[in-house]
């Protein structure tokens, strides 16, 4: 059985959701509050997979292009687009 995916957007208005409770699966301790989701978690699953692949290839865009079967410039452009997306969605403290 597949685990349910963490919702990141409100099903009613599409705004970003916050986390209000965390529970330890081992001892059932619960922590309540109003926590924002990290920037990377708020990205679509496809973008998260791209970032994970980038990490697993030690940042080698050449290796990523080979694995993904696309050109190096396409991988570079996608990474640049993701960087801009993360910058735009990262709260300024």
PDB file of N, CA and C in Angstrom:
ATOM      1  N   UNK A   1       0.835  -1.178   0.000  1.00  0.00           N
ATOM      2  CA  UNK A   1       0.000   0.000   0.000  1.00  0.00           C
ATOM      3  C   UNK A   1       0.886   1.250   0.000  1.00  0.00           C
ATOM      4  N   UNK A   2       0.561   2.195  -0.872  1.00  0.00           N
ATOM      5  CA  UNK A   2       1.349   3.407  -0.991  1.00  0.00           C
ATOM      6  C   UNK A   2       0.976   4.400   0.103  1.00  0.00           C
ATOM      7  N   UNK A   3       2.007   5.020   0.707  1.00  0.00           N
ATOM      8  CA  UNK A   3       1.764   6.022   1.742  1.00  0.00           C
ATOM      9  C   UNK A   3       1.116   7.251   1.110  1.00  0.00           C
ATOM     10  N   UNK A   4       0.214   7.906   1.838  1.00  0.00           N
ATOM     11  CA  UNK A   4      -0.356   9.148   1.299  1.00  0.00           C
ATOM     12  C   UNK A   4       0.721  10.224   1.211  1.00  0.00           C
ATOM     13  N   UNK A   5       0.615  11.063   0.187  1.00  0.00           N
ATOM     14  CA  UNK A   5       1.587  12.141  -0.004  1.00  0.00           C
ATOM     15  C   UNK A   5       1.218  13.320   0.877  1.00  0.00           C
ATOM     16  N   UNK A   6       2.232  14.013   1.344  1.00  0.00           N
ATOM     17  CA  UNK A   6       2.048  15.193   2.171  1.00  0.00           C
ATOM     18  C   UNK A   6       1.423  16.297   1.332  1.00  0.00           C
ATOM     19  N   UNK A   7       0.240  16.756   1.706  1.00  0.00           N
ATOM     20  CA  UNK A   7      -0.346  17.875   0.948  1.00  0.00           C
ATOM     21  C   UNK A   7       0.406  19.158   1.288  1.00  0.00           C
ATOM     22  N   UNK A   8       0.666  19.966   0.282  1.00  0.00           N
ATOM     23  CA  UNK A   8       1.383  21.220   0.502  1.00  0.00           C
ATOM     24  C   UNK A   8       0.537  22.434   0.144  1.00  0.00           C
ATOM     25  N   UNK A   9      -0.579  22.202  -0.533  1.00  0.00           N
ATOM     26  CA  UNK A   9      -1.469  23.300  -0.931  1.00  0.00           C
ATOM     27  C   UNK A   9      -2.876  23.031  -0.418  1.00  0.00           C
ATOM     28  N   UNK A  10      -3.558  24.101  -0.024  1.00  0.00           N
ATOM     29  CA  UNK A  10      -4.933  24.010   0.470  1.00  0.00           C
ATOM     30  C   UNK A  10      -5.854  23.521  -0.651  1.00  0.00           C
ATOM     31  N   UNK A  11      -6.649  22.496  -0.379  1.00  0.00           N
ATOM     32  CA  UNK A  11      -7.556  22.010  -1.422  1.00  0.00           C
ATOM     33  C   UNK A  11      -8.686  22.992  -1.734  1.00  0.00           C
ATOM     34  N   UNK A  12      -8.892  23.955  -0.868  1.00  0.00           N
ATOM     35  CA  UNK A  12      -9.967  24.924  -1.072  1.00  0.00           C
ATOM     36  C   UNK A  12      -9.500  26.152  -1.849  1.00  0.00           C
ATOM     37  N   UNK A  13      -8.367  26.772  -1.414  1.00  0.00           N
ATOM     38  CA  UNK A  13      -7.940  28.038  -2.030  1.00  0.00           C
ATOM     39  C   UNK A  13      -6.560  27.959  -2.690  1.00  0.00           C
ATOM     40  N   UNK A  14      -5.877  26.830  -2.585  1.00  0.00           N
ATOM     41  CA  UNK A  14      -4.554  26.596  -3.185  1.00  0.00           C
ATOM     42  C   UNK A  14      -3.405  27.327  -2.502  1.00  0.00           C
ATOM     43  N   UNK A  15      -3.649  28.018  -1.390  1.00  0.00           N
ATOM     44  CA  UNK A  15      -2.555  28.629  -0.641  1.00  0.00           C
ATOM     45  C   UNK A  15      -1.679  27.542  -0.023  1.00  0.00           C
ATOM     46  N   UNK A  16      -0.436  27.899   0.318  1.00  0.00           N
ATOM     47  CA  UNK A  16       0.483  26.950   0.948  1.00  0.00           C
ATOM     48  C   UNK A  16      -0.002  26.605   2.351  1.00  0.00           C
ATOM     49  N   UNK A  17       0.007  25.316   2.661  1.00  0.00           N
ATOM     50  CA  UNK A  17      -0.389  24.861   3.991  1.00  0.00           C
ATOM     51  C   UNK A  17       0.765  24.998   4.976  1.00  0.00           C
ATOM     52  N   UNK A  18       0.437  25.140   6.245  1.00  0.00           N
ATOM     53  CA  UNK A  18       1.414  25.077   7.329  1.00  0.00           C
ATOM     54  C   UNK A  18       1.183  23.776   8.076  1.00  0.00           C
ATOM     55  N   UNK A  19       2.192  23.334   8.788  1.00  0.00           N
ATOM     56  CA  UNK A  19       2.085  22.142   9.621  1.00  0.00           C
ATOM     57  C   UNK A  19       1.662  22.593  11.015  1.00  0.00           C
ATOM     58  N   UNK A  20       0.677  21.915  11.596  1.00  0.00           N
ATOM     59  CA  UNK A  20       0.227  22.314  12.927  1.00  0.00           C
ATOM     60  C   UNK A  20       0.519  21.269  13.996  1.00  0.00           C
ATOM     61  N   UNK A  21       0.855  20.042  13.576  1.00  0.00           N
ATOM     62  CA  UNK A  21       1.145  19.018  14.577  1.00  0.00           C
ATOM     63  C   UNK A  21       2.095  17.978  14.006  1.00  0.00           C
ATOM     64  N   UNK A  22       3.045  17.554  14.839  1.00  0.00           N
ATOM     65  CA  UNK A  22       3.970  16.477  14.506  1.00  0.00           C
ATOM     66  C   UNK A  22       3.858  15.414  15.580  1.00  0.00           C
ATOM     67  N   UNK A  23       3.932  14.150  15.171  1.00  0.00           N
ATOM     68  CA  UNK A  23       3.800  13.050  16.113  1.00  0.00           C
ATOM     69  C   UNK A  23       4.944  12.061  15.926  1.00  0.00           C
ATOM     70  N   UNK A  24       5.544  11.641  17.034  1.00  0.00           N
ATOM     71  CA  UNK A  24       6.603  10.630  16.992  1.00  0.00           C
ATOM     72  C   UNK A  24       5.954   9.258  16.830  1.00  0.00           C
ATOM     73  N   UNK A  25       6.316   8.503  15.790  1.00  0.00           N
ATOM     74  CA  UNK A  25       5.715   7.182  15.594  1.00  0.00           C
ATOM     75  C   UNK A  25       6.170   6.159  16.635  1.00  0.00           C
ATOM     76  N   UNK A  26       7.277   6.436  17.323  1.00  0.00           N
ATOM     77  CA  UNK A  26       7.808   5.510  18.304  1.00  0.00           C
ATOM     78  C   UNK A  26       7.128   5.638  19.664  1.00  0.00           C
ATOM     79  N   UNK A  27       7.024   6.881  20.167  1.00  0.00           N
ATOM     80  CA  UNK A  27       6.496   7.060  21.526  1.00  0.00           C
ATOM     81  C   UNK A  27       5.200   7.871  21.578  1.00  0.00           C
ATOM     82  N   UNK A  28       4.728   8.297  20.415  1.00  0.00           N
ATOM     83  CA  UNK A  28       3.479   9.061  20.283  1.00  0.00           C
ATOM     84  C   UNK A  28       3.530  10.465  20.880  1.00  0.00           C
ATOM     85  N   UNK A  29       4.716  10.979  21.174  1.00  0.00           N
ATOM     86  CA  UNK A  29       4.819  12.365  21.620  1.00  0.00           C
ATOM     87  C   UNK A  29       4.316  13.269  20.501  1.00  0.00           C
ATOM     88  N   UNK A  30       3.559  14.297  20.863  1.00  0.00           N
ATOM     89  CA  UNK A  30       3.028  15.227  19.872  1.00  0.00           C
ATOM     90  C   UNK A  30       3.550  16.634  20.146  1.00  0.00           C
ATOM     91  N   UNK A  31       3.894  17.332  19.082  1.00  0.00           N
ATOM     92  CA  UNK A  31       4.336  18.712  19.157  1.00  0.00           C
ATOM     93  C   UNK A  31       3.361  19.525  18.313  1.00  0.00           C
ATOM     94  N   UNK A  32       2.753  20.524  18.932  1.00  0.00           N
ATOM     95  CA  UNK A  32       1.786  21.354  18.216  1.00  0.00           C
ATOM     96  C   UNK A  32       2.318  22.771  18.067  1.00  0.00           C
ATOM     97  N   UNK A  33       1.916  23.427  16.993  1.00  0.00           N
ATOM     98  CA  UNK A  33       2.322  24.799  16.742  1.00  0.00           C
ATOM     99  C   UNK A  33       1.883  25.203  15.351  1.00  0.00           C
ATOM    100  N   UNK A  34       2.520  26.206  14.820  1.00  0.00           N
ATOM    101  CA  UNK A  34       2.230  26.656  13.462  1.00  0.00           C
ATOM    102  C   UNK A  34       3.558  26.773  12.729  1.00  0.00           C
ATOM    103  N   UNK A  35       3.914  25.734  11.980  1.00  0.00           N
ATOM    104  CA  UNK A  35       5.219  25.640  11.338  1.00  0.00           C
ATOM    105  C   UNK A  35       5.066  25.721   9.828  1.00  0.00           C
ATOM    106  N   UNK A  36       5.929  26.503   9.182  1.00  0.00           N
ATOM    107  CA  UNK A  36       5.902  26.565   7.725  1.00  0.00           C
ATOM    108  C   UNK A  36       6.651  25.370   7.153  1.00  0.00           C
ATOM    109  N   UNK A  37       6.221  24.923   5.995  1.00  0.00           N
ATOM    110  CA  UNK A  37       6.918  23.836   5.313  1.00  0.00           C
ATOM    111  C   UNK A  37       8.195  24.387   4.686  1.00  0.00           C
ATOM    112  N   UNK A  38       9.280  23.621   4.706  1.00  0.00           N
ATOM    113  CA  UNK A  38      10.519  24.065   4.061  1.00  0.00           C
ATOM    114  C   UNK A  38      10.300  24.296   2.563  1.00  0.00           C
ATOM    115  N   UNK A  39      11.074  25.187   1.990  1.00  0.00           N
ATOM    116  CA  UNK A  39      10.940  25.548   0.577  1.00  0.00           C
ATOM    117  C   UNK A  39      10.976  24.334  -0.345  1.00  0.00           C
ATOM    118  N   UNK A  40      11.890  23.418  -0.113  1.00  0.00           N
ATOM    119  CA  UNK A  40      12.015  22.261  -0.998  1.00  0.00           C
ATOM    120  C   UNK A  40      10.807  21.334  -0.908  1.00  0.00           C
ATOM    121  N   UNK A  41      10.197  21.248   0.256  1.00  0.00           N
ATOM    122  CA  UNK A  41       9.012  20.396   0.426  1.00  0.00           C
ATOM    123  C   UNK A  41       7.818  20.970  -0.327  1.00  0.00           C
ATOM    124  N   UNK A  42       7.780  22.284  -0.474  1.00  0.00           N
ATOM    125  CA  UNK A  42       6.666  22.930  -1.159  1.00  0.00           C
ATOM    126  C   UNK A  42       6.746  22.784  -2.679  1.00  0.00           C
ATOM    127  N   UNK A  43       7.884  22.335  -3.190  1.00  0.00           N
ATOM    128  CA  UNK A  43       8.025  22.132  -4.632  1.00  0.00           C
ATOM    129  C   UNK A  43       7.234  20.919  -5.091  1.00  0.00           C
ATOM    130  N   UNK A  44       6.798  20.913  -6.353  1.00  0.00           N
ATOM    131  CA  UNK A  44       6.130  19.719  -6.890  1.00  0.00           C
ATOM    132  C   UNK A  44       7.052  18.500  -6.815  1.00  0.00           C
ATOM    133  N   UNK A  45       6.461  17.326  -6.754  1.00  0.00           N
ATOM    134  CA  UNK A  45       7.216  16.083  -6.604  1.00  0.00           C
ATOM    135  C   UNK A  45       8.263  15.912  -7.714  1.00  0.00           C
ATOM    136  N   UNK A  46       7.947  16.312  -8.923  1.00  0.00           N
ATOM    137  CA  UNK A  46       8.877  16.201 -10.044  1.00  0.00           C
ATOM    138  C   UNK A  46      10.127  17.058  -9.811  1.00  0.00           C
ATOM    139  N   UNK A  47       9.942  18.257  -9.275  1.00  0.00           N
ATOM    140  CA  UNK A  47      11.085  19.124  -8.969  1.00  0.00           C
ATOM    141  C   UNK A  47      11.909  18.556  -7.826  1.00  0.00           C
ATOM    142  N   UNK A  48      11.260  17.984  -6.825  1.00  0.00           N
ATOM    143  CA  UNK A  48      11.977  17.360  -5.712  1.00  0.00           C
ATOM    144  C   UNK A  48      12.822  16.194  -6.226  1.00  0.00           C
ATOM    145  N   UNK A  49      12.273  15.408  -7.151  1.00  0.00           N
ATOM    146  CA  UNK A  49      13.008  14.273  -7.716  1.00  0.00           C
ATOM    147  C   UNK A  49      14.246  14.770  -8.479  1.00  0.00           C
ATOM    148  N   UNK A  50      14.105  15.877  -9.201  1.00  0.00           N
ATOM    149  CA  UNK A  50      15.232  16.456  -9.934  1.00  0.00           C
ATOM    150  C   UNK A  50      16.330  16.875  -8.958  1.00  0.00           C
ATOM    151  N   UNK A  51      15.950  17.536  -7.884  1.00  0.00           N
ATOM    152  CA  UNK A  51      16.933  17.987  -6.886  1.00  0.00           C
ATOM    153  C   UNK A  51      17.611  16.794  -6.219  1.00  0.00           C
ATOM    154  N   UNK A  52      16.848  15.750  -5.919  1.00  0.00           N
ATOM    155  CA  UNK A  52      17.434  14.542  -5.325  1.00  0.00           C
ATOM    156  C   UNK A  52      18.445  13.924  -6.291  1.00  0.00           C
ATOM    157  N   UNK A  53      18.096  13.855  -7.574  1.00  0.00           N
ATOM    158  CA  UNK A  53      19.023  13.306  -8.571  1.00  0.00           C
ATOM    159  C   UNK A  53      20.284  14.161  -8.665  1.00  0.00           C
ATOM    160  N   UNK A  54      20.122  15.468  -8.593  1.00  0.00           N
ATOM    161  CA  UNK A  54      21.264  16.391  -8.602  1.00  0.00           C
ATOM    162  C   UNK A  54      22.191  16.075  -7.423  1.00  0.00           C
ATOM    163  N   UNK A  55      21.603  15.870  -6.266  1.00  0.00           N
ATOM    164  CA  UNK A  55      22.365  15.542  -5.059  1.00  0.00           C
ATOM    165  C   UNK A  55      23.078  14.196  -5.219  1.00  0.00           C
ATOM    166  N   UNK A  56      22.348  13.190  -5.696  1.00  0.00           N
ATOM    167  CA  UNK A  56      22.906  11.843  -5.817  1.00  0.00           C
ATOM    168  C   UNK A  56      24.004  11.742  -6.874  1.00  0.00           C
ATOM    169  N   UNK A  57      24.007  12.655  -7.826  1.00  0.00           N
ATOM    170  CA  UNK A  57      25.073  12.667  -8.836  1.00  0.00           C
ATOM    171  C   UNK A  57      26.175  13.662  -8.476  1.00  0.00           C
ATOM    172  N   UNK A  58      26.184  14.075  -7.222  1.00  0.00           N
ATOM    173  CA  UNK A  58      27.177  15.035  -6.711  1.00  0.00           C
ATOM    174  C   UNK A  58      27.197  16.326  -7.523  1.00  0.00           C
ATOM    175  N   UNK A  59      26.041  16.708  -8.018  1.00  0.00           N
ATOM    176  CA  UNK A  59      25.935  17.959  -8.763  1.00  0.00           C
ATOM    177  C   UNK A  59      26.465  17.884 -10.187  1.00  0.00           C
ATOM    178  N   UNK A  60      26.646  16.682 -10.714  1.00  0.00           N
ATOM    179  CA  UNK A  60      27.159  16.522 -12.077  1.00  0.00           C
ATOM    180  C   UNK A  60      26.011  16.641 -13.077  1.00  0.00           C
ATOM    181  N   UNK A  61      25.930  17.798 -13.719  1.00  0.00           N
ATOM    182  CA  UNK A  61      24.875  17.992 -14.721  1.00  0.00           C
ATOM    183  C   UNK A  61      25.099  17.088 -15.925  1.00  0.00           C
ATOM    184  N   UNK A  62      26.345  16.806 -16.233  1.00  0.00           N
ATOM    185  CA  UNK A  62      26.662  15.898 -17.340  1.00  0.00           C
ATOM    186  C   UNK A  62      26.113  14.502 -17.054  1.00  0.00           C
ATOM    187  N   UNK A  63      26.323  14.012 -15.833  1.00  0.00           N
ATOM    188  CA  UNK A  63      25.809  12.696 -15.460  1.00  0.00           C
ATOM    189  C   UNK A  63      24.280  12.704 -15.435  1.00  0.00           C
ATOM    190  N   UNK A  64      23.697  13.786 -14.943  1.00  0.00           N
ATOM    191  CA  UNK A  64      22.232  13.884 -14.913  1.00  0.00           C
ATOM    192  C   UNK A  64      21.661  13.840 -16.331  1.00  0.00           C
ATOM    193  N   UNK A  65      22.299  14.559 -17.255  1.00  0.00           N
ATOM    194  CA  UNK A  65      21.840  14.566 -18.641  1.00  0.00           C
ATOM    195  C   UNK A  65      21.863  13.158 -19.211  1.00  0.00           C
ATOM    196  N   UNK A  66      22.920  12.423 -18.895  1.00  0.00           N
ATOM    197  CA  UNK A  66      23.042  11.049 -19.376  1.00  0.00           C
ATOM    198  C   UNK A  66      21.949  10.159 -18.783  1.00  0.00           C
ATOM    199  N   UNK A  67      21.737  10.267 -17.481  1.00  0.00           N
ATOM    200  CA  UNK A  67      20.726   9.451 -16.807  1.00  0.00           C
ATOM    201  C   UNK A  67      19.326   9.787 -17.306  1.00  0.00           C
ATOM    202  N   UNK A  68      19.052  11.068 -17.492  1.00  0.00           N
ATOM    203  CA  UNK A  68      17.719  11.516 -17.881  1.00  0.00           C
ATOM    204  C   UNK A  68      17.473  11.412 -19.384  1.00  0.00           C
ATOM    205  N   UNK A  69      18.548  11.202 -20.152  1.00  0.00           N
ATOM    206  CA  UNK A  69      18.404  11.096 -21.602  1.00  0.00           C
ATOM    207  C   UNK A  69      18.051  12.415 -22.273  1.00  0.00           C
ATOM    208  N   UNK A  70      18.541  13.523 -21.695  1.00  0.00           N
ATOM    209  CA  UNK A  70      18.325  14.844 -22.279  1.00  0.00           C
ATOM    210  C   UNK A  70      19.660  15.563 -22.373  1.00  0.00           C
ATOM    211  N   UNK A  71      19.666  16.684 -23.075  1.00  0.00           N
ATOM    212  CA  UNK A  71      20.929  17.396 -23.283  1.00  0.00           C
ATOM    213  C   UNK A  71      21.379  18.136 -22.028  1.00  0.00           C
ATOM    214  N   UNK A  72      22.680  18.373 -21.961  1.00  0.00           N
ATOM    215  CA  UNK A  72      23.259  19.132 -20.855  1.00  0.00           C
ATOM    216  C   UNK A  72      22.612  20.511 -20.732  1.00  0.00           C
ATOM    217  N   UNK A  73      22.455  21.278 -21.850  1.00  0.00           N
ATOM    218  CA  UNK A  73      21.820  22.599 -21.720  1.00  0.00           C
ATOM    219  C   UNK A  73      20.391  22.525 -21.175  1.00  0.00           C
ATOM    220  N   UNK A  74      19.663  21.469 -21.498  1.00  0.00           N
ATOM    221  CA  UNK A  74      18.302  21.306 -20.976  1.00  0.00           C
ATOM    222  C   UNK A  74      18.331  21.102 -19.465  1.00  0.00           C
ATOM    223  N   UNK A  75      19.275  20.278 -18.992  1.00  0.00           N
ATOM    224  CA  UNK A  75      19.424  20.051 -17.549  1.00  0.00           C
ATOM    225  C   UNK A  75      19.831  21.358 -16.868  1.00  0.00           C
ATOM    226  N   UNK A  76      20.766  22.084 -17.465  1.00  0.00           N
ATOM    227  CA  UNK A  76      21.227  23.354 -16.899  1.00  0.00           C
ATOM    228  C   UNK A  76      20.078  24.360 -16.797  1.00  0.00           C
ATOM    229  N   UNK A  77      19.273  24.449 -17.850  1.00  0.00           N
ATOM    230  CA  UNK A  77      18.127  25.359 -17.843  1.00  0.00           C
ATOM    231  C   UNK A  77      17.111  24.968 -16.790  1.00  0.00           C
ATOM    232  N   UNK A  78      16.881  23.676 -16.648  1.00  0.00           N
ATOM    233  CA  UNK A  78      15.922  23.210 -15.640  1.00  0.00           C
ATOM    234  C   UNK A  78      16.423  23.538 -14.237  1.00  0.00           C
ATOM    235  N   UNK A  79      17.713  23.350 -14.005  1.00  0.00           N
ATOM    236  CA  UNK A  79      18.295  23.689 -12.708  1.00  0.00           C
ATOM    237  C   UNK A  79      18.179  25.188 -12.445  1.00  0.00           C
ATOM    238  N   UNK A  80      18.492  26.001 -13.446  1.00  0.00           N
ATOM    239  CA  UNK A  80      18.374  27.455 -13.293  1.00  0.00           C
ATOM    240  C   UNK A  80      16.930  27.861 -12.966  1.00  0.00           C
ATOM    241  N   UNK A  81      15.962  27.235 -13.642  1.00  0.00           N
ATOM    242  CA  UNK A  81      14.547  27.517 -13.381  1.00  0.00           C
ATOM    243  C   UNK A  81      14.168  27.139 -11.949  1.00  0.00           C
ATOM    244  N   UNK A  82      14.676  25.997 -11.486  1.00  0.00           N
ATOM    245  CA  UNK A  82      14.397  25.552 -10.117  1.00  0.00           C
ATOM    246  C   UNK A  82      15.017  26.489  -9.093  1.00  0.00           C
ATOM    247  N   UNK A  83      16.217  26.954  -9.363  1.00  0.00           N
ATOM    248  CA  UNK A  83      16.876  27.892  -8.450  1.00  0.00           C
ATOM    249  C   UNK A  83      16.024  29.143  -8.304  1.00  0.00           C
ATOM    250  N   UNK A  84      15.542  29.668  -9.412  1.00  0.00           N
ATOM    251  CA  UNK A  84      14.689  30.869  -9.375  1.00  0.00           C
ATOM    252  C   UNK A  84      13.379  30.589  -8.642  1.00  0.00           C
ATOM    253  N   UNK A  85      12.807  29.412  -8.848  1.00  0.00           N
ATOM    254  CA  UNK A  85      11.554  29.046  -8.185  1.00  0.00           C
ATOM    255  C   UNK A  85      11.755  28.980  -6.668  1.00  0.00           C
ATOM    256  N   UNK A  86      12.853  28.369  -6.244  1.00  0.00           N
ATOM    257  CA  UNK A  86      13.136  28.263  -4.810  1.00  0.00           C
ATOM    258  C   UNK A  86      13.403  29.642  -4.209  1.00  0.00           C
ATOM    259  N   UNK A  87      14.164  30.470  -4.915  1.00  0.00           N
ATOM    260  CA  UNK A  87      14.430  31.827  -4.426  1.00  0.00           C
ATOM    261  C   UNK A  87      13.131  32.613  -4.251  1.00  0.00           C
ATOM    262  N   UNK A  88      12.235  32.485  -5.207  1.00  0.00           N
ATOM    263  CA  UNK A  88      10.971  33.230  -5.167  1.00  0.00           C
ATOM    264  C   UNK A  88      10.055  32.753  -4.046  1.00  0.00           C
ATOM    265  N   UNK A  89      10.203  31.485  -3.643  1.00  0.00           N
ATOM    266  CA  UNK A  89       9.317  30.908  -2.628  1.00  0.00           C
ATOM    267  C   UNK A  89       9.966  30.746  -1.265  1.00  0.00           C
ATOM    268  N   UNK A  90      11.170  31.294  -1.092  1.00  0.00           N
ATOM    269  CA  UNK A  90      11.845  31.198   0.189  1.00  0.00           C
ATOM    270  C   UNK A  90      11.535  32.467   1.000  1.00  0.00           C
ATOM    271  N   UNK A  91      10.918  32.290   2.173  1.00  0.00           N
ATOM    272  CA  UNK A  91      10.594  33.472   2.990  1.00  0.00           C
ATOM    273  C   UNK A  91      11.861  34.217   3.409  1.00  0.00           C
ATOM    274  N   UNK A  92      11.786  35.515   3.399  1.00  0.00           N
ATOM    275  CA  UNK A  92      12.897  36.349   3.862  1.00  0.00           C
ATOM    276  C   UNK A  92      12.728  36.561   5.367  1.00  0.00           C
ATOM    277  N   UNK A  93      13.735  36.173   6.131  1.00  0.00           N
ATOM    278  CA  UNK A  93      13.653  36.307   7.600  1.00  0.00           C
ATOM    279  C   UNK A  93      13.938  37.710   8.057  1.00  0.00           C
TER     280      UNK A  93
END
